[in-house]
């Protein structure tokens, strides 16, 4: 039974193949698989293995994440920059020392 992810993968493979003006049989020859395998991927009946997925990504010059419908890259962490004008940091009613502030900044930035 096709899954949503397999369907999206199949659509991406079909779209990329057509953009290159290839028939299923031509893509199959390039990847050393059968035309039936390509057809099964494109309809979402089956999913290519990891090696074949990598070969597809390389051939079409896209990422495997793109083929799988994932975001191209995760959002990068944003560094927290605190200045004296931002806030006064306290603990138990006492202002934190500069050393303690630096430790907190490093922890907040995952360093």
PDB file of N, CA and C in Angstrom:
ATOM      1  N   UNK A   1       0.848  -1.187   0.000  1.00  0.00           N
ATOM      2  CA  UNK A   1       0.000   0.000   0.000  1.00  0.00           C
ATOM      3  C   UNK A   1       0.890   1.245   0.000  1.00  0.00           C
ATOM      4  N   UNK A   2       0.692   2.162  -0.925  1.00  0.00           N
ATOM      5  CA  UNK A   2       1.533   3.357  -0.994  1.00  0.00           C
ATOM      6  C   UNK A   2       1.330   4.254   0.220  1.00  0.00           C
ATOM      7  N   UNK A   3       2.407   4.878   0.654  1.00  0.00           N
ATOM      8  CA  UNK A   3       2.304   5.845   1.744  1.00  0.00           C
ATOM      9  C   UNK A   3       2.369   7.236   1.154  1.00  0.00           C
ATOM     10  N   UNK A   4       1.990   8.216   1.952  1.00  0.00           N
ATOM     11  CA  UNK A   4       2.059   9.610   1.513  1.00  0.00           C
ATOM     12  C   UNK A   4       3.485   9.962   1.099  1.00  0.00           C
ATOM     13  N   UNK A   5       4.475   9.547   1.917  1.00  0.00           N
ATOM     14  CA  UNK A   5       5.875   9.847   1.620  1.00  0.00           C
ATOM     15  C   UNK A   5       6.331   9.174   0.333  1.00  0.00           C
ATOM     16  N   UNK A   6       5.923   7.936   0.133  1.00  0.00           N
ATOM     17  CA  UNK A   6       6.303   7.224  -1.090  1.00  0.00           C
ATOM     18  C   UNK A   6       5.673   7.905  -2.296  1.00  0.00           C
ATOM     19  N   UNK A   7       4.467   8.409  -2.140  1.00  0.00           N
ATOM     20  CA  UNK A   7       3.805   9.118  -3.229  1.00  0.00           C
ATOM     21  C   UNK A   7       4.530  10.396  -3.602  1.00  0.00           C
ATOM     22  N   UNK A   8       4.959  11.152  -2.601  1.00  0.00           N
ATOM     23  CA  UNK A   8       5.705  12.383  -2.867  1.00  0.00           C
ATOM     24  C   UNK A   8       7.043  12.068  -3.511  1.00  0.00           C
ATOM     25  N   UNK A   9       7.719  11.061  -3.013  1.00  0.00           N
ATOM     26  CA  UNK A   9       8.983  10.636  -3.607  1.00  0.00           C
ATOM     27  C   UNK A   9       8.767  10.262  -5.067  1.00  0.00           C
ATOM     28  N   UNK A  10       7.732   9.495  -5.336  1.00  0.00           N
ATOM     29  CA  UNK A  10       7.428   9.097  -6.702  1.00  0.00           C
ATOM     30  C   UNK A  10       7.152  10.283  -7.613  1.00  0.00           C
ATOM     31  N   UNK A  11       6.396  11.239  -7.095  1.00  0.00           N
ATOM     32  CA  UNK A  11       6.108  12.437  -7.881  1.00  0.00           C
ATOM     33  C   UNK A  11       7.379  13.213  -8.190  1.00  0.00           C
ATOM     34  N   UNK A  12       8.272  13.307  -7.206  1.00  0.00           N
ATOM     35  CA  UNK A  12       9.529  14.031  -7.433  1.00  0.00           C
ATOM     36  C   UNK A  12      10.391  13.319  -8.478  1.00  0.00           C
ATOM     37  N   UNK A  13      10.472  11.999  -8.383  1.00  0.00           N
ATOM     38  CA  UNK A  13      11.266  11.241  -9.371  1.00  0.00           C
ATOM     39  C   UNK A  13      10.687  11.449 -10.770  1.00  0.00           C
ATOM     40  N   UNK A  14       9.372  11.317 -10.893  1.00  0.00           N
ATOM     41  CA  UNK A  14       8.715  11.474 -12.189  1.00  0.00           C
ATOM     42  C   UNK A  14       8.931  12.885 -12.741  1.00  0.00           C
ATOM     43  N   UNK A  15       8.769  13.883 -11.881  1.00  0.00           N
ATOM     44  CA  UNK A  15       8.951  15.277 -12.294  1.00  0.00           C
ATOM     45  C   UNK A  15      10.383  15.525 -12.797  1.00  0.00           C
ATOM     46  N   UNK A  16      11.364  15.042 -12.051  1.00  0.00           N
ATOM     47  CA  UNK A  16      12.763  15.235 -12.428  1.00  0.00           C
ATOM     48  C   UNK A  16      13.101  14.479 -13.718  1.00  0.00           C
ATOM     49  N   UNK A  17      12.546  13.289 -13.838  1.00  0.00           N
ATOM     50  CA  UNK A  17      12.786  12.489 -15.053  1.00  0.00           C
ATOM     51  C   UNK A  17      12.238  13.212 -16.276  1.00  0.00           C
ATOM     52  N   UNK A  18      11.020  13.743 -16.151  1.00  0.00           N
ATOM     53  CA  UNK A  18      10.401  14.435 -17.281  1.00  0.00           C
ATOM     54  C   UNK A  18      11.137  15.734 -17.603  1.00  0.00           C
ATOM     55  N   UNK A  19      11.631  16.420 -16.586  1.00  0.00           N
ATOM     56  CA  UNK A  19      12.406  17.641 -16.822  1.00  0.00           C
ATOM     57  C   UNK A  19      13.639  17.356 -17.680  1.00  0.00           C
ATOM     58  N   UNK A  20      14.211  16.165 -17.510  1.00  0.00           N
ATOM     59  CA  UNK A  20      15.387  15.774 -18.307  1.00  0.00           C
ATOM     60  C   UNK A  20      14.988  15.167 -19.656  1.00  0.00           C
ATOM     61  N   UNK A  21      13.684  15.023 -19.875  1.00  0.00           N
ATOM     62  CA  UNK A  21      13.213  14.463 -21.142  1.00  0.00           C
ATOM     63  C   UNK A  21      13.490  12.987 -21.283  1.00  0.00           C
ATOM     64  N   UNK A  22      13.496  12.276 -20.158  1.00  0.00           N
ATOM     65  CA  UNK A  22      13.803  10.838 -20.173  1.00  0.00           C
ATOM     66  C   UNK A  22      12.543   9.994 -20.100  1.00  0.00           C
ATOM     67  N   UNK A  23      12.598   8.837 -20.736  1.00  0.00           N
ATOM     68  CA  UNK A  23      11.566   7.815 -20.547  1.00  0.00           C
ATOM     69  C   UNK A  23      11.975   6.979 -19.325  1.00  0.00           C
ATOM     70  N   UNK A  24      11.012   6.276 -18.758  1.00  0.00           N
ATOM     71  CA  UNK A  24      11.307   5.406 -17.615  1.00  0.00           C
ATOM     72  C   UNK A  24      12.416   4.423 -17.956  1.00  0.00           C
ATOM     73  N   UNK A  25      12.374   3.881 -19.155  1.00  0.00           N
ATOM     74  CA  UNK A  25      13.371   2.884 -19.552  1.00  0.00           C
ATOM     75  C   UNK A  25      14.772   3.492 -19.598  1.00  0.00           C
ATOM     76  N   UNK A  26      14.878   4.754 -19.995  1.00  0.00           N
ATOM     77  CA  UNK A  26      16.194   5.408 -20.048  1.00  0.00           C
ATOM     78  C   UNK A  26      16.751   5.645 -18.645  1.00  0.00           C
ATOM     79  N   UNK A  27      15.890   6.075 -17.736  1.00  0.00           N
ATOM     80  CA  UNK A  27      16.332   6.261 -16.356  1.00  0.00           C
ATOM     81  C   UNK A  27      16.716   4.917 -15.749  1.00  0.00           C
ATOM     82  N   UNK A  28      15.937   3.904 -16.047  1.00  0.00           N
ATOM     83  CA  UNK A  28      16.221   2.563 -15.534  1.00  0.00           C
ATOM     84  C   UNK A  28      17.592   2.082 -16.005  1.00  0.00           C
ATOM     85  N   UNK A  29      17.898   2.281 -17.261  1.00  0.00           N
ATOM     86  CA  UNK A  29      19.197   1.873 -17.798  1.00  0.00           C
ATOM     87  C   UNK A  29      20.323   2.608 -17.088  1.00  0.00           C
ATOM     88  N   UNK A  30      20.153   3.898 -16.894  1.00  0.00           N
ATOM     89  CA  UNK A  30      21.177   4.708 -16.227  1.00  0.00           C
ATOM     90  C   UNK A  30      21.440   4.214 -14.806  1.00  0.00           C
ATOM     91  N   UNK A  31      20.375   3.817 -14.122  1.00  0.00           N
ATOM     92  CA  UNK A  31      20.487   3.395 -12.717  1.00  0.00           C
ATOM     93  C   UNK A  31      20.696   1.893 -12.556  1.00  0.00           C
ATOM     94  N   UNK A  32      20.717   1.168 -13.681  1.00  0.00           N
ATOM     95  CA  UNK A  32      20.895  -0.295 -13.657  1.00  0.00           C
ATOM     96  C   UNK A  32      19.783  -0.991 -12.878  1.00  0.00           C
ATOM     97  N   UNK A  33      18.552  -0.555 -13.150  1.00  0.00           N
ATOM     98  CA  UNK A  33      17.364  -1.188 -12.569  1.00  0.00           C
ATOM     99  C   UNK A  33      16.389  -1.445 -13.715  1.00  0.00           C
ATOM    100  N   UNK A  34      15.301  -2.110 -13.417  1.00  0.00           N
ATOM    101  CA  UNK A  34      14.299  -2.373 -14.454  1.00  0.00           C
ATOM    102  C   UNK A  34      13.369  -1.175 -14.623  1.00  0.00           C
ATOM    103  N   UNK A  35      12.729  -1.140 -15.801  1.00  0.00           N
ATOM    104  CA  UNK A  35      11.736  -0.090 -16.041  1.00  0.00           C
ATOM    105  C   UNK A  35      10.581  -0.240 -15.051  1.00  0.00           C
ATOM    106  N   UNK A  36      10.265  -1.486 -14.692  1.00  0.00           N
ATOM    107  CA  UNK A  36       9.192  -1.733 -13.734  1.00  0.00           C
ATOM    108  C   UNK A  36       9.522  -1.126 -12.371  1.00  0.00           C
ATOM    109  N   UNK A  37      10.802  -1.166 -11.995  1.00  0.00           N
ATOM    110  CA  UNK A  37      11.207  -0.563 -10.717  1.00  0.00           C
ATOM    111  C   UNK A  37      10.947   0.934 -10.728  1.00  0.00           C
ATOM    112  N   UNK A  38      11.344   1.605 -11.809  1.00  0.00           N
ATOM    113  CA  UNK A  38      11.117   3.051 -11.928  1.00  0.00           C
ATOM    114  C   UNK A  38       9.620   3.348 -11.884  1.00  0.00           C
ATOM    115  N   UNK A  39       8.843   2.562 -12.600  1.00  0.00           N
ATOM    116  CA  UNK A  39       7.390   2.745 -12.594  1.00  0.00           C
ATOM    117  C   UNK A  39       6.792   2.564 -11.208  1.00  0.00           C
ATOM    118  N   UNK A  40       7.304   1.578 -10.470  1.00  0.00           N
ATOM    119  CA  UNK A  40       6.814   1.339  -9.111  1.00  0.00           C
ATOM    120  C   UNK A  40       7.166   2.488  -8.173  1.00  0.00           C
ATOM    121  N   UNK A  41       8.344   3.066  -8.351  1.00  0.00           N
ATOM    122  CA  UNK A  41       8.723   4.224  -7.525  1.00  0.00           C
ATOM    123  C   UNK A  41       7.804   5.401  -7.816  1.00  0.00           C
ATOM    124  N   UNK A  42       7.595   5.642  -9.114  1.00  0.00           N
ATOM    125  CA  UNK A  42       6.816   6.811  -9.516  1.00  0.00           C
ATOM    126  C   UNK A  42       5.356   6.722  -9.084  1.00  0.00           C
ATOM    127  N   UNK A  43       4.831   5.532  -8.943  1.00  0.00           N
ATOM    128  CA  UNK A  43       3.447   5.382  -8.485  1.00  0.00           C
ATOM    129  C   UNK A  43       3.356   5.224  -6.974  1.00  0.00           C
ATOM    130  N   UNK A  44       4.505   5.137  -6.318  1.00  0.00           N
ATOM    131  CA  UNK A  44       4.510   5.015  -4.865  1.00  0.00           C
ATOM    132  C   UNK A  44       4.276   3.602  -4.359  1.00  0.00           C
ATOM    133  N   UNK A  45       4.291   2.627  -5.272  1.00  0.00           N
ATOM    134  CA  UNK A  45       4.101   1.232  -4.843  1.00  0.00           C
ATOM    135  C   UNK A  45       5.311   0.716  -4.084  1.00  0.00           C
ATOM    136  N   UNK A  46       6.499   1.156  -4.510  1.00  0.00           N
ATOM    137  CA  UNK A  46       7.724   0.770  -3.815  1.00  0.00           C
ATOM    138  C   UNK A  46       8.602   2.003  -3.650  1.00  0.00           C
ATOM    139  N   UNK A  47       9.611   1.841  -2.819  1.00  0.00           N
ATOM    140  CA  UNK A  47      10.548   2.928  -2.542  1.00  0.00           C
ATOM    141  C   UNK A  47      11.953   2.434  -2.865  1.00  0.00           C
ATOM    142  N   UNK A  48      12.758   3.254  -3.549  1.00  0.00           N
ATOM    143  CA  UNK A  48      14.126   2.809  -3.838  1.00  0.00           C
ATOM    144  C   UNK A  48      14.938   2.667  -2.559  1.00  0.00           C
ATOM    145  N   UNK A  49      15.900   1.753  -2.584  1.00  0.00           N
ATOM    146  CA  UNK A  49      16.786   1.575  -1.442  1.00  0.00           C
ATOM    147  C   UNK A  49      17.705   2.777  -1.274  1.00  0.00           C
ATOM    148  N   UNK A  50      18.438   2.797  -0.187  1.00  0.00           N
ATOM    149  CA  UNK A  50      19.305   3.933   0.145  1.00  0.00           C
ATOM    150  C   UNK A  50      20.336   4.206  -0.948  1.00  0.00           C
ATOM    151  N   UNK A  51      20.973   3.164  -1.461  1.00  0.00           N
ATOM    152  CA  UNK A  51      21.987   3.357  -2.509  1.00  0.00           C
ATOM    153  C   UNK A  51      21.372   3.953  -3.773  1.00  0.00           C
ATOM    154  N   UNK A  52      20.215   3.443  -4.136  1.00  0.00           N
ATOM    155  CA  UNK A  52      19.540   3.942  -5.336  1.00  0.00           C
ATOM    156  C   UNK A  52      19.024   5.360  -5.108  1.00  0.00           C
ATOM    157  N   UNK A  53      18.544   5.639  -3.912  1.00  0.00           N
ATOM    158  CA  UNK A  53      18.091   6.986  -3.587  1.00  0.00           C
ATOM    159  C   UNK A  53      19.248   7.985  -3.731  1.00  0.00           C
ATOM    160  N   UNK A  54      20.415   7.592  -3.235  1.00  0.00           N
ATOM    161  CA  UNK A  54      21.603   8.444  -3.396  1.00  0.00           C
ATOM    162  C   UNK A  54      21.964   8.615  -4.869  1.00  0.00           C
ATOM    163  N   UNK A  55      21.874   7.536  -5.632  1.00  0.00           N
ATOM    164  CA  UNK A  55      22.187   7.609  -7.065  1.00  0.00           C
ATOM    165  C   UNK A  55      21.198   8.539  -7.783  1.00  0.00           C
ATOM    166  N   UNK A  56      19.929   8.466  -7.414  1.00  0.00           N
ATOM    167  CA  UNK A  56      18.928   9.362  -7.992  1.00  0.00           C
ATOM    168  C   UNK A  56      19.247  10.820  -7.675  1.00  0.00           C
ATOM    169  N   UNK A  57      19.570  11.082  -6.416  1.00  0.00           N
ATOM    170  CA  UNK A  57      19.895  12.448  -6.003  1.00  0.00           C
ATOM    171  C   UNK A  57      21.108  12.970  -6.768  1.00  0.00           C
ATOM    172  N   UNK A  58      22.132  12.129  -6.890  1.00  0.00           N
ATOM    173  CA  UNK A  58      23.325  12.530  -7.636  1.00  0.00           C
ATOM    174  C   UNK A  58      23.002  12.778  -9.108  1.00  0.00           C
ATOM    175  N   UNK A  59      22.249  11.882  -9.692  1.00  0.00           N
ATOM    176  CA  UNK A  59      21.924  11.987 -11.113  1.00  0.00           C
ATOM    177  C   UNK A  59      21.134  13.257 -11.415  1.00  0.00           C
ATOM    178  N   UNK A  60      20.153  13.567 -10.564  1.00  0.00           N
ATOM    179  CA  UNK A  60      19.305  14.734 -10.789  1.00  0.00           C
ATOM    180  C   UNK A  60      19.857  16.011 -10.142  1.00  0.00           C
ATOM    181  N   UNK A  61      21.004  15.879  -9.470  1.00  0.00           N
ATOM    182  CA  UNK A  61      21.649  17.018  -8.819  1.00  0.00           C
ATOM    183  C   UNK A  61      20.728  17.692  -7.795  1.00  0.00           C
ATOM    184  N   UNK A  62      20.113  16.854  -6.967  1.00  0.00           N
ATOM    185  CA  UNK A  62      19.276  17.331  -5.870  1.00  0.00           C
ATOM    186  C   UNK A  62      19.716  16.589  -4.610  1.00  0.00           C
ATOM    187  N   UNK A  63      19.190  16.996  -3.476  1.00  0.00           N
ATOM    188  CA  UNK A  63      19.498  16.285  -2.236  1.00  0.00           C
ATOM    189  C   UNK A  63      18.511  15.139  -2.031  1.00  0.00           C
ATOM    190  N   UNK A  64      18.924  14.183  -1.232  1.00  0.00           N
ATOM    191  CA  UNK A  64      17.983  13.110  -0.880  1.00  0.00           C
ATOM    192  C   UNK A  64      16.828  13.691  -0.069  1.00  0.00           C
ATOM    193  N   UNK A  65      17.107  14.725   0.710  1.00  0.00           N
ATOM    194  CA  UNK A  65      16.030  15.380   1.457  1.00  0.00           C
ATOM    195  C   UNK A  65      14.973  15.934   0.511  1.00  0.00           C
ATOM    196  N   UNK A  66      15.412  16.544  -0.585  1.00  0.00           N
ATOM    197  CA  UNK A  66      14.456  17.053  -1.570  1.00  0.00           C
ATOM    198  C   UNK A  66      13.601  15.905  -2.108  1.00  0.00           C
ATOM    199  N   UNK A  67      14.245  14.809  -2.502  1.00  0.00           N
ATOM    200  CA  UNK A  67      13.500  13.668  -3.035  1.00  0.00           C
ATOM    201  C   UNK A  67      12.469  13.155  -2.039  1.00  0.00           C
ATOM    202  N   UNK A  68      12.853  13.149  -0.771  1.00  0.00           N
ATOM    203  CA  UNK A  68      11.977  12.623   0.271  1.00  0.00           C
ATOM    204  C   UNK A  68      10.954  13.643   0.775  1.00  0.00           C
ATOM    205  N   UNK A  69      11.032  14.867   0.258  1.00  0.00           N
ATOM    206  CA  UNK A  69      10.058  15.876   0.649  1.00  0.00           C
ATOM    207  C   UNK A  69      10.367  16.558   1.963  1.00  0.00           C
ATOM    208  N   UNK A  70      11.597  16.445   2.398  1.00  0.00           N
ATOM    209  CA  UNK A  70      11.994  17.081   3.648  1.00  0.00           C
ATOM    210  C   UNK A  70      12.512  18.482   3.371  1.00  0.00           C
ATOM    211  N   UNK A  71      12.521  19.339   4.404  1.00  0.00           N
ATOM    212  CA  UNK A  71      13.129  20.660   4.203  1.00  0.00           C
ATOM    213  C   UNK A  71      14.595  20.495   3.824  1.00  0.00           C
ATOM    214  N   UNK A  72      15.090  21.396   2.995  1.00  0.00           N
ATOM    215  CA  UNK A  72      16.470  21.306   2.526  1.00  0.00           C
ATOM    216  C   UNK A  72      17.473  21.339   3.666  1.00  0.00           C
ATOM    217  N   UNK A  73      17.227  22.186   4.654  1.00  0.00           N
ATOM    218  CA  UNK A  73      18.116  22.193   5.799  1.00  0.00           C
ATOM    219  C   UNK A  73      17.363  22.686   7.016  1.00  0.00           C
ATOM    220  N   UNK A  74      17.847  22.277   8.151  1.00  0.00           N
ATOM    221  CA  UNK A  74      17.215  22.682   9.396  1.00  0.00           C
ATOM    222  C   UNK A  74      17.568  24.127   9.698  1.00  0.00           C
ATOM    223  N   UNK A  75      16.709  24.749  10.464  1.00  0.00           N
ATOM    224  CA  UNK A  75      16.998  26.112  10.878  1.00  0.00           C
ATOM    225  C   UNK A  75      18.222  26.110  11.767  1.00  0.00           C
ATOM    226  N   UNK A  76      19.063  27.083  11.523  1.00  0.00           N
ATOM    227  CA  UNK A  76      20.267  27.194  12.331  1.00  0.00           C
ATOM    228  C   UNK A  76      19.930  27.825  13.665  1.00  0.00           C
ATOM    229  N   UNK A  77      20.685  27.418  14.672  1.00  0.00           N
ATOM    230  CA  UNK A  77      20.510  28.021  15.981  1.00  0.00           C
ATOM    231  C   UNK A  77      20.896  29.485  15.905  1.00  0.00           C
ATOM    232  N   UNK A  78      20.167  30.282  16.620  1.00  0.00           N
ATOM    233  CA  UNK A  78      20.524  31.688  16.695  1.00  0.00           C
ATOM    234  C   UNK A  78      21.279  31.915  17.990  1.00  0.00           C
ATOM    235  N   UNK A  79      22.403  32.581  17.881  1.00  0.00           N
ATOM    236  CA  UNK A  79      23.172  32.903  19.072  1.00  0.00           C
ATOM    237  C   UNK A  79      22.469  33.992  19.853  1.00  0.00           C
ATOM    238  N   UNK A  80      22.511  33.867  21.141  1.00  0.00           N
ATOM    239  CA  UNK A  80      21.918  34.860  22.019  1.00  0.00           C
ATOM    240  C   UNK A  80      22.996  35.847  22.410  1.00  0.00           C
ATOM    241  N   UNK A  81      22.728  37.083  22.117  1.00  0.00           N
ATOM    242  CA  UNK A  81      23.659  38.139  22.501  1.00  0.00           C
ATOM    243  C   UNK A  81      22.975  39.009  23.543  1.00  0.00           C
ATOM    244  N   UNK A  82      23.522  39.049  24.707  1.00  0.00           N
ATOM    245  CA  UNK A  82      22.979  39.876  25.777  1.00  0.00           C
ATOM    246  C   UNK A  82      23.917  41.039  26.025  1.00  0.00           C
ATOM    247  N   UNK A  83      23.348  42.199  26.129  1.00  0.00           N
ATOM    248  CA  UNK A  83      24.152  43.367  26.463  1.00  0.00           C
ATOM    249  C   UNK A  83      23.655  43.924  27.791  1.00  0.00           C
ATOM    250  N   UNK A  84      24.419  44.797  28.348  1.00  0.00           N
ATOM    251  CA  UNK A  84      24.036  45.397  29.620  1.00  0.00           C
ATOM    252  C   UNK A  84      22.723  46.150  29.515  1.00  0.00           C
ATOM    253  N   UNK A  85      22.389  46.626  28.304  1.00  0.00           N
ATOM    254  CA  UNK A  85      21.158  47.385  28.118  1.00  0.00           C
ATOM    255  C   UNK A  85      19.924  46.488  28.033  1.00  0.00           C
ATOM    256  N   UNK A  86      20.130  45.191  27.776  1.00  0.00           N
ATOM    257  CA  UNK A  86      18.997  44.291  27.600  1.00  0.00           C
ATOM    258  C   UNK A  86      18.241  44.047  28.899  1.00  0.00           C
ATOM    259  N   UNK A  87      18.881  43.371  29.814  1.00  0.00           N
ATOM    260  CA  UNK A  87      18.240  43.016  31.079  1.00  0.00           C
ATOM    261  C   UNK A  87      19.292  42.963  32.173  1.00  0.00           C
ATOM    262  N   UNK A  88      18.802  43.048  33.377  1.00  0.00           N
ATOM    263  CA  UNK A  88      19.685  42.822  34.520  1.00  0.00           C
ATOM    264  C   UNK A  88      19.415  41.413  34.981  1.00  0.00           C
ATOM    265  N   UNK A  89      20.439  40.599  34.993  1.00  0.00           N
ATOM    266  CA  UNK A  89      20.283  39.208  35.381  1.00  0.00           C
ATOM    267  C   UNK A  89      20.554  39.067  36.870  1.00  0.00           C
ATOM    268  N   UNK A  90      19.589  38.441  37.524  1.00  0.00           N
ATOM    269  CA  UNK A  90      19.736  38.243  38.962  1.00  0.00           C
ATOM    270  C   UNK A  90      19.447  36.803  39.313  1.00  0.00           C
ATOM    271  N   UNK A  91      19.958  36.411  40.469  1.00  0.00           N
ATOM    272  CA  UNK A  91      19.669  35.102  41.029  1.00  0.00           C
ATOM    273  C   UNK A  91      19.500  35.308  42.518  1.00  0.00           C
ATOM    274  N   UNK A  92      18.356  34.901  42.996  1.00  0.00           N
ATOM    275  CA  UNK A  92      18.013  35.076  44.410  1.00  0.00           C
ATOM    276  C   UNK A  92      18.189  36.534  44.844  1.00  0.00           C
ATOM    277  N   UNK A  93      17.760  37.440  43.957  1.00  0.00           N
ATOM    278  CA  UNK A  93      17.778  38.856  44.282  1.00  0.00           C
ATOM    279  C   UNK A  93      19.122  39.539  44.135  1.00  0.00           C
ATOM    280  N   UNK A  94      20.161  38.803  43.788  1.00  0.00           N
ATOM    281  CA  UNK A  94      21.490  39.398  43.638  1.00  0.00           C
ATOM    282  C   UNK A  94      21.867  39.428  42.162  1.00  0.00           C
ATOM    283  N   UNK A  95      22.462  40.532  41.727  1.00  0.00           N
ATOM    284  CA  UNK A  95      22.893  40.656  40.339  1.00  0.00           C
ATOM    285  C   UNK A  95      24.015  39.655  40.057  1.00  0.00           C
ATOM    286  N   UNK A  96      23.956  39.036  38.883  1.00  0.00           N
ATOM    287  CA  UNK A  96      24.968  38.043  38.504  1.00  0.00           C
ATOM    288  C   UNK A  96      26.277  38.728  38.131  1.00  0.00           C
ATOM    289  N   UNK A  97      27.356  38.036  38.423  1.00  0.00           N
ATOM    290  CA  UNK A  97      28.669  38.556  38.035  1.00  0.00           C
ATOM    291  C   UNK A  97      28.841  38.411  36.527  1.00  0.00           C
ATOM    292  N   UNK A  98      29.798  39.126  35.956  1.00  0.00           N
ATOM    293  CA  UNK A  98      30.083  39.034  34.520  1.00  0.00           C
ATOM    294  C   UNK A  98      30.451  37.599  34.134  1.00  0.00           C
ATOM    295  N   UNK A  99      31.195  36.916  35.003  1.00  0.00           N
ATOM    296  CA  UNK A  99      31.582  35.521  34.736  1.00  0.00           C
ATOM    297  C   UNK A  99      30.349  34.626  34.650  1.00  0.00           C
ATOM    298  N   UNK A 100      29.402  34.806  35.569  1.00  0.00           N
ATOM    299  CA  UNK A 100      28.172  34.019  35.540  1.00  0.00           C
ATOM    300  C   UNK A 100      27.348  34.327  34.286  1.00  0.00           C
ATOM    301  N   UNK A 101      27.318  35.583  33.871  1.00  0.00           N
ATOM    302  CA  UNK A 101      26.605  35.959  32.647  1.00  0.00           C
ATOM    303  C   UNK A 101      27.211  35.259  31.431  1.00  0.00           C
ATOM    304  N   UNK A 102      28.530  35.203  31.370  1.00  0.00           N
ATOM    305  CA  UNK A 102      29.196  34.543  30.252  1.00  0.00           C
ATOM    306  C   UNK A 102      28.872  33.051  30.229  1.00  0.00           C
ATOM    307  N   UNK A 103      28.829  32.438  31.395  1.00  0.00           N
ATOM    308  CA  UNK A 103      28.473  31.014  31.480  1.00  0.00           C
ATOM    309  C   UNK A 103      27.054  30.795  30.954  1.00  0.00           C
ATOM    310  N   UNK A 104      26.136  31.659  31.359  1.00  0.00           N
ATOM    311  CA  UNK A 104      24.746  31.541  30.919  1.00  0.00           C
ATOM    312  C   UNK A 104      24.657  31.752  29.405  1.00  0.00           C
ATOM    313  N   UNK A 105      25.377  32.729  28.862  1.00  0.00           N
ATOM    314  CA  UNK A 105      25.377  32.957  27.415  1.00  0.00           C
ATOM    315  C   UNK A 105      25.856  31.716  26.660  1.00  0.00           C
ATOM    316  N   UNK A 106      26.947  31.106  27.160  1.00  0.00           N
ATOM    317  CA  UNK A 106      27.470  29.894  26.502  1.00  0.00           C
ATOM    318  C   UNK A 106      26.448  28.763  26.564  1.00  0.00           C
ATOM    319  N   UNK A 107      25.794  28.598  27.708  1.00  0.00           N
ATOM    320  CA  UNK A 107      24.790  27.542  27.846  1.00  0.00           C
ATOM    321  C   UNK A 107      23.615  27.783  26.901  1.00  0.00           C
ATOM    322  N   UNK A 108      23.197  29.028  26.796  1.00  0.00           N
ATOM    323  CA  UNK A 108      22.068  29.353  25.928  1.00  0.00           C
ATOM    324  C   UNK A 108      22.412  29.147  24.453  1.00  0.00           C
ATOM    325  N   UNK A 109      23.671  29.297  24.102  1.00  0.00           N
ATOM    326  CA  UNK A 109      24.120  29.103  22.728  1.00  0.00           C
ATOM    327  C   UNK A 109      24.587  27.674  22.465  1.00  0.00           C
ATOM    328  N   UNK A 110      24.470  26.799  23.454  1.00  0.00           N
ATOM    329  CA  UNK A 110      24.852  25.399  23.269  1.00  0.00           C
ATOM    330  C   UNK A 110      26.338  25.178  23.130  1.00  0.00           C
ATOM    331  N   UNK A 111      27.127  25.996  23.789  1.00  0.00           N
ATOM    332  CA  UNK A 111      28.580  25.862  23.682  1.00  0.00           C
ATOM    333  C   UNK A 111      29.179  25.374  24.968  1.00  0.00           C
TER     334      UNK A 111
END
